[in-house]
Amino acid sequence: MSLTSNIAPIRVGIMQPYFLPHLSYFQLIANTDIFCLHDKVKYTKQSWINRNRIVINGRTDYITIPVRHRSDFDLVDEKEISPVFKSTLMLKTIELNYKKSPNFENVFPLITDILNYNSSNLFEFIENSIFIVSQYLDIKTKIIKSSNSGYDLKLNKSQMVLDICKKLKADVYVNSEGGIELYEPSYFLANGILLRFSKQIDFSYTNSFGQTDGSLSVLDALMWVDKTLLIHKLSAIEFWDL
């Protein structure tokens, strides 16, 4: 499809699932037509898959979903949450540190639903959290598991992304700026797909620290920033094509 056509191009994004990621993750979701949560990616220790940063006791600290220790080669959708995880304890930590935030009464029930989700599968747990936050932010994008596209699981990373795009009839593959070094634009163009990168326009707001740069978990932004403004900020994103 020509991008000069009157028919809107189909934009596809693909990302690993992250636990309550910062706002730019949801900006990427909002600016695609189909967003794939990559369920067949290798689980990486000390990554953003099962942890993120919020404000705790006046400083930035991690909240973490502990996982069972099995194989070092587990895929994300094979990883199980450890039975030592107690949602009540994490909720209490969040309550103590955010109860004075302006949006606490509206957002805390949302976080409660996320942390009390009845699944021990890490991917399902994170997938549900992304659904809930996306719905709260009025994001209409179709969110699917990458494996549901029917792509060939034996392909390498670039081939995998291209195959998913083809299976979903994408015209544009949208990735964050962190992926610039990973993909060759000519490889995608040769297959009829435009490679597009996104960058969050500087987003700062005032939280319990004072001014912050928006790099904390979306939980912090949800608690401190007006919902209407957050929804507006979903479009505060720059794109460029290679």
Protein backbone atom coordinates (compact mmCIF):
# COMPACT_ATOMS: atom_id res chain seq x y z
CA MET A 1 0.00 0.00 0.00
CA SER A 2 1.26 3.48 -0.82
CA LEU A 3 1.32 5.79 2.17
CA THR A 4 -0.01 8.53 -0.12
CA SER A 5 -3.21 6.54 -0.55
CA ASN A 6 -6.49 7.81 0.86
CA ILE A 7 -6.70 4.57 2.83
CA ALA A 8 -5.15 4.90 6.27
CA PRO A 9 -2.03 2.71 6.62
CA ILE A 10 -2.07 -0.05 9.21
CA ARG A 11 0.49 0.70 11.94
CA VAL A 12 1.82 -2.18 14.03
CA GLY A 13 3.92 -2.00 17.20
CA ILE A 14 5.62 -4.86 19.01
CA MET A 15 7.08 -4.66 22.52
CA GLN A 16 8.03 -6.91 25.39
CA PRO A 17 5.52 -6.82 28.24
CA TYR A 18 6.66 -4.51 31.04
CA PHE A 19 5.24 -4.08 34.53
CA LEU A 20 3.51 -0.68 34.80
CA PRO A 21 5.92 0.94 32.29
CA HIS A 22 6.28 4.70 31.97
CA LEU A 23 3.97 6.78 29.81
CA SER A 24 5.98 6.46 26.57
CA TYR A 25 5.02 2.77 26.40
CA PHE A 26 1.35 3.74 26.31
CA GLN A 27 2.08 6.50 23.82
CA LEU A 28 3.43 3.84 21.48
CA ILE A 29 0.31 1.71 22.01
CA ALA A 30 -1.98 4.69 21.37
CA ASN A 31 -0.20 5.57 18.12
CA THR A 32 -0.54 2.15 16.52
CA ASP A 33 -3.54 0.29 15.17
CA ILE A 34 -2.42 -3.14 16.41
CA PHE A 35 -0.04 -3.52 19.32
CA CYS A 36 1.61 -6.89 19.96
CA LEU A 37 2.78 -7.93 23.41
CA HIS A 38 5.70 -10.24 22.70
CA ASP A 39 4.94 -13.38 24.68
CA LYS A 40 7.62 -15.60 23.14
CA VAL A 41 10.62 -13.55 24.23
CA LYS A 42 13.20 -14.85 26.69
CA TYR A 43 12.68 -13.64 30.25
CA THR A 44 15.52 -11.37 31.34
CA LYS A 45 16.49 -10.95 34.97
CA GLN A 46 16.59 -7.43 36.42
CA SER A 47 14.76 -6.00 33.43
CA TRP A 48 11.56 -3.97 33.34
CA ILE A 49 9.49 -7.08 32.67
CA ASN A 50 8.55 -7.62 36.32
CA ARG A 51 9.62 -4.44 38.09
CA ASN A 52 9.44 -0.67 37.90
CA ARG A 53 10.22 2.45 39.90
CA ILE A 54 7.93 4.59 42.02
CA VAL A 55 8.45 6.95 44.95
CA ILE A 56 8.87 5.12 48.27
CA ASN A 57 9.78 6.89 51.52
CA GLY A 58 10.79 10.03 49.68
CA ARG A 59 13.10 8.41 47.16
CA THR A 60 12.90 6.45 43.92
CA ASP A 61 12.75 2.71 44.55
CA TYR A 62 11.62 -0.50 42.88
CA ILE A 63 8.42 -2.45 43.17
CA THR A 64 8.94 -5.99 41.91
CA ILE A 65 6.77 -8.97 41.05
CA PRO A 66 8.95 -11.91 42.23
CA VAL A 67 9.12 -14.94 39.96
CA ARG A 68 9.80 -18.62 40.46
CA HIS A 69 13.39 -19.58 39.67
CA ARG A 70 13.40 -22.35 37.07
CA SER A 71 15.40 -22.33 33.87
CA ASP A 72 17.50 -19.40 32.66
CA PHE A 73 15.95 -20.01 29.26
CA ASP A 74 12.29 -19.54 30.18
CA LEU A 75 10.17 -17.46 27.87
CA VAL A 76 8.09 -14.70 29.43
CA ASP A 77 4.86 -16.66 28.96
CA GLU A 78 6.42 -19.63 30.77
CA LYS A 79 7.41 -17.64 33.83
CA GLU A 80 5.36 -18.05 37.02
CA ILE A 81 4.93 -15.52 39.79
CA SER A 82 6.46 -16.66 43.07
CA PRO A 83 4.03 -17.58 45.87
CA VAL A 84 5.95 -15.17 48.11
CA PHE A 85 4.34 -12.27 46.23
CA LYS A 86 1.69 -10.63 48.40
CA SER A 87 -0.38 -8.03 46.62
CA THR A 88 -1.61 -6.69 49.95
CA LEU A 89 1.92 -5.70 50.97
CA MET A 90 2.61 -3.91 47.68
CA LEU A 91 -0.75 -2.17 47.85
CA LYS A 92 0.01 -1.00 51.37
CA THR A 93 3.36 0.41 50.20
CA ILE A 94 1.62 2.26 47.37
CA GLU A 95 -1.12 3.53 49.65
CA LEU A 96 1.31 4.87 52.25
CA ASN A 97 3.35 6.71 49.64
CA TYR A 98 0.58 8.01 47.37
CA LYS A 99 -2.46 8.58 49.57
CA LYS A 100 -1.87 12.35 49.47
CA SER A 101 -1.66 12.48 45.67
CA PRO A 102 -4.59 14.28 43.96
CA ASN A 103 -5.81 11.24 42.00
CA PHE A 104 -5.38 8.59 44.69
CA GLU A 105 -9.10 7.90 45.19
CA ASN A 106 -9.61 7.19 41.48
CA VAL A 107 -6.35 5.44 40.69
CA PHE A 108 -5.79 3.23 43.73
CA PRO A 109 -8.80 0.97 42.88
CA LEU A 110 -7.28 0.58 39.39
CA ILE A 111 -3.94 -0.52 40.86
CA THR A 112 -5.78 -2.81 43.28
CA ASP A 113 -7.48 -4.58 40.35
CA ILE A 114 -4.11 -4.96 38.64
CA LEU A 115 -2.27 -6.42 41.62
CA ASN A 116 -5.12 -8.69 42.68
CA TYR A 117 -5.46 -10.26 39.24
CA ASN A 118 -6.03 -13.97 39.68
CA SER A 119 -3.24 -15.52 37.64
CA SER A 120 0.19 -16.83 38.61
CA ASN A 121 1.41 -16.59 35.02
CA LEU A 122 3.69 -13.56 34.70
CA PHE A 123 2.74 -12.74 31.11
CA GLU A 124 -0.99 -12.93 31.80
CA PHE A 125 -0.55 -10.76 34.89
CA ILE A 126 1.33 -8.05 32.98
CA GLU A 127 -0.94 -8.32 29.95
CA ASN A 128 -3.95 -7.65 32.16
CA SER A 129 -2.24 -4.62 33.74
CA ILE A 130 -1.57 -3.14 30.30
CA PHE A 131 -5.19 -3.73 29.29
CA ILE A 132 -6.44 -1.97 32.42
CA VAL A 133 -4.20 1.09 32.11
CA SER A 134 -4.91 1.37 28.37
CA GLN A 135 -8.65 1.28 29.02
CA TYR A 136 -8.30 3.94 31.74
CA LEU A 137 -6.41 6.17 29.29
CA ASP A 138 -9.11 5.63 26.65
CA ILE A 139 -6.72 3.90 24.24
CA LYS A 140 -8.64 2.16 21.44
CA THR A 141 -5.74 0.21 19.92
CA LYS A 142 -6.20 -3.53 19.44
CA ILE A 143 -3.75 -5.29 21.78
CA ILE A 144 -2.84 -8.91 21.04
CA LYS A 145 -0.22 -11.50 21.91
CA SER A 146 2.45 -11.66 19.19
CA SER A 147 2.05 -15.44 18.98
CA ASN A 148 -1.59 -14.94 17.97
CA SER A 149 -0.41 -13.37 14.73
CA GLY A 150 0.71 -16.82 13.57
CA TYR A 151 4.32 -15.82 12.88
CA ASP A 152 7.11 -18.38 12.46
CA LEU A 153 8.65 -18.86 15.92
CA LYS A 154 11.96 -20.06 14.45
CA LEU A 155 12.83 -16.73 12.82
CA ASN A 156 15.47 -14.32 14.11
CA LYS A 157 14.47 -10.94 15.52
CA SER A 158 14.25 -8.85 12.32
CA GLN A 159 12.64 -11.70 10.40
CA MET A 160 10.20 -12.25 13.27
CA VAL A 161 9.12 -8.59 13.32
CA LEU A 162 8.72 -8.57 9.55
CA ASP A 163 6.71 -11.82 9.60
CA ILE A 164 4.38 -10.46 12.30
CA CYS A 165 3.87 -7.29 10.27
CA LYS A 166 3.07 -9.31 7.17
CA LYS A 167 0.67 -11.57 9.03
CA LEU A 168 -1.15 -8.50 10.36
CA LYS A 169 -1.07 -6.79 6.92
CA ALA A 170 0.87 -3.85 8.32
CA ASP A 171 2.02 -0.93 6.20
CA VAL A 172 4.10 0.66 8.96
CA TYR A 173 6.14 -0.86 11.78
CA VAL A 174 6.41 1.61 14.67
CA ASN A 175 9.18 1.14 17.19
CA SER A 176 10.66 3.26 19.98
CA GLU A 177 13.85 5.18 19.31
CA GLY A 178 15.78 2.55 21.27
CA GLY A 179 15.36 0.16 18.34
CA ILE A 180 17.17 2.30 15.75
CA GLU A 181 20.31 0.16 15.84
CA LEU A 182 18.37 -3.11 15.68
CA TYR A 183 16.68 -2.89 12.30
CA GLU A 184 17.69 -2.13 8.73
CA PRO A 185 15.12 0.15 7.03
CA SER A 186 15.90 -1.16 3.53
CA TYR A 187 15.05 -4.70 4.67
CA PHE A 188 11.55 -3.58 5.64
CA LEU A 189 11.06 -1.33 2.61
CA ALA A 190 12.01 -4.20 0.31
CA ASN A 191 9.06 -6.05 1.83
CA GLY A 192 6.65 -3.13 1.47
CA ILE A 193 6.75 -1.95 5.09
CA LEU A 194 7.84 1.47 6.30
CA LEU A 195 10.02 1.52 9.42
CA ARG A 196 9.03 4.35 11.75
CA PHE A 197 10.54 5.37 15.09
CA SER A 198 8.96 7.27 17.95
CA LYS A 199 10.31 9.57 20.62
CA GLN A 200 8.47 10.94 23.62
CA ILE A 201 8.33 14.71 23.72
CA ASP A 202 9.71 15.87 27.07
CA PHE A 203 7.09 15.17 29.71
CA SER A 204 7.55 16.61 33.17
CA TYR A 205 5.09 16.99 36.01
CA THR A 206 5.04 17.70 39.72
CA ASN A 207 4.90 14.79 42.17
CA SER A 208 5.94 14.40 45.81
CA PHE A 209 9.55 15.03 44.76
CA GLY A 210 8.68 18.26 43.01
CA GLN A 211 9.42 18.32 39.28
CA THR A 212 10.02 14.93 37.65
CA ASP A 213 10.94 13.96 34.09
CA GLY A 214 8.29 11.28 33.53
CA SER A 215 10.72 8.35 33.68
CA LEU A 216 9.00 6.68 36.64
CA SER A 217 6.31 4.04 36.32
CA VAL A 218 3.03 5.20 34.82
CA LEU A 219 1.61 4.57 38.30
CA ASP A 220 3.29 7.77 39.49
CA ALA A 221 1.91 9.81 36.59
CA LEU A 222 -1.57 8.38 37.07
CA MET A 223 -1.51 9.44 40.71
CA TRP A 224 -0.25 12.99 40.11
CA VAL A 225 -1.36 14.13 36.65
CA ASP A 226 -4.91 14.99 35.65
CA LYS A 227 -6.40 12.17 33.58
CA THR A 228 -7.49 14.49 30.76
CA LEU A 229 -3.97 15.86 30.48
CA LEU A 230 -2.46 12.36 30.44
CA ILE A 231 -4.78 11.34 27.60
CA HIS A 232 -3.76 14.49 25.72
CA LYS A 233 -0.08 13.63 26.32
CA LEU A 234 -0.53 10.33 24.50
CA SER A 235 -0.20 12.28 21.27
CA ALA A 236 2.88 14.22 22.48
CA ILE A 237 5.20 12.00 20.51
CA GLU A 238 7.53 12.60 17.56
CA PHE A 239 7.95 10.22 14.62
CA TRP A 240 10.53 9.89 11.91
CA ASP A 241 10.90 7.42 9.07
CA LEU A 242 14.14 5.77 7.94
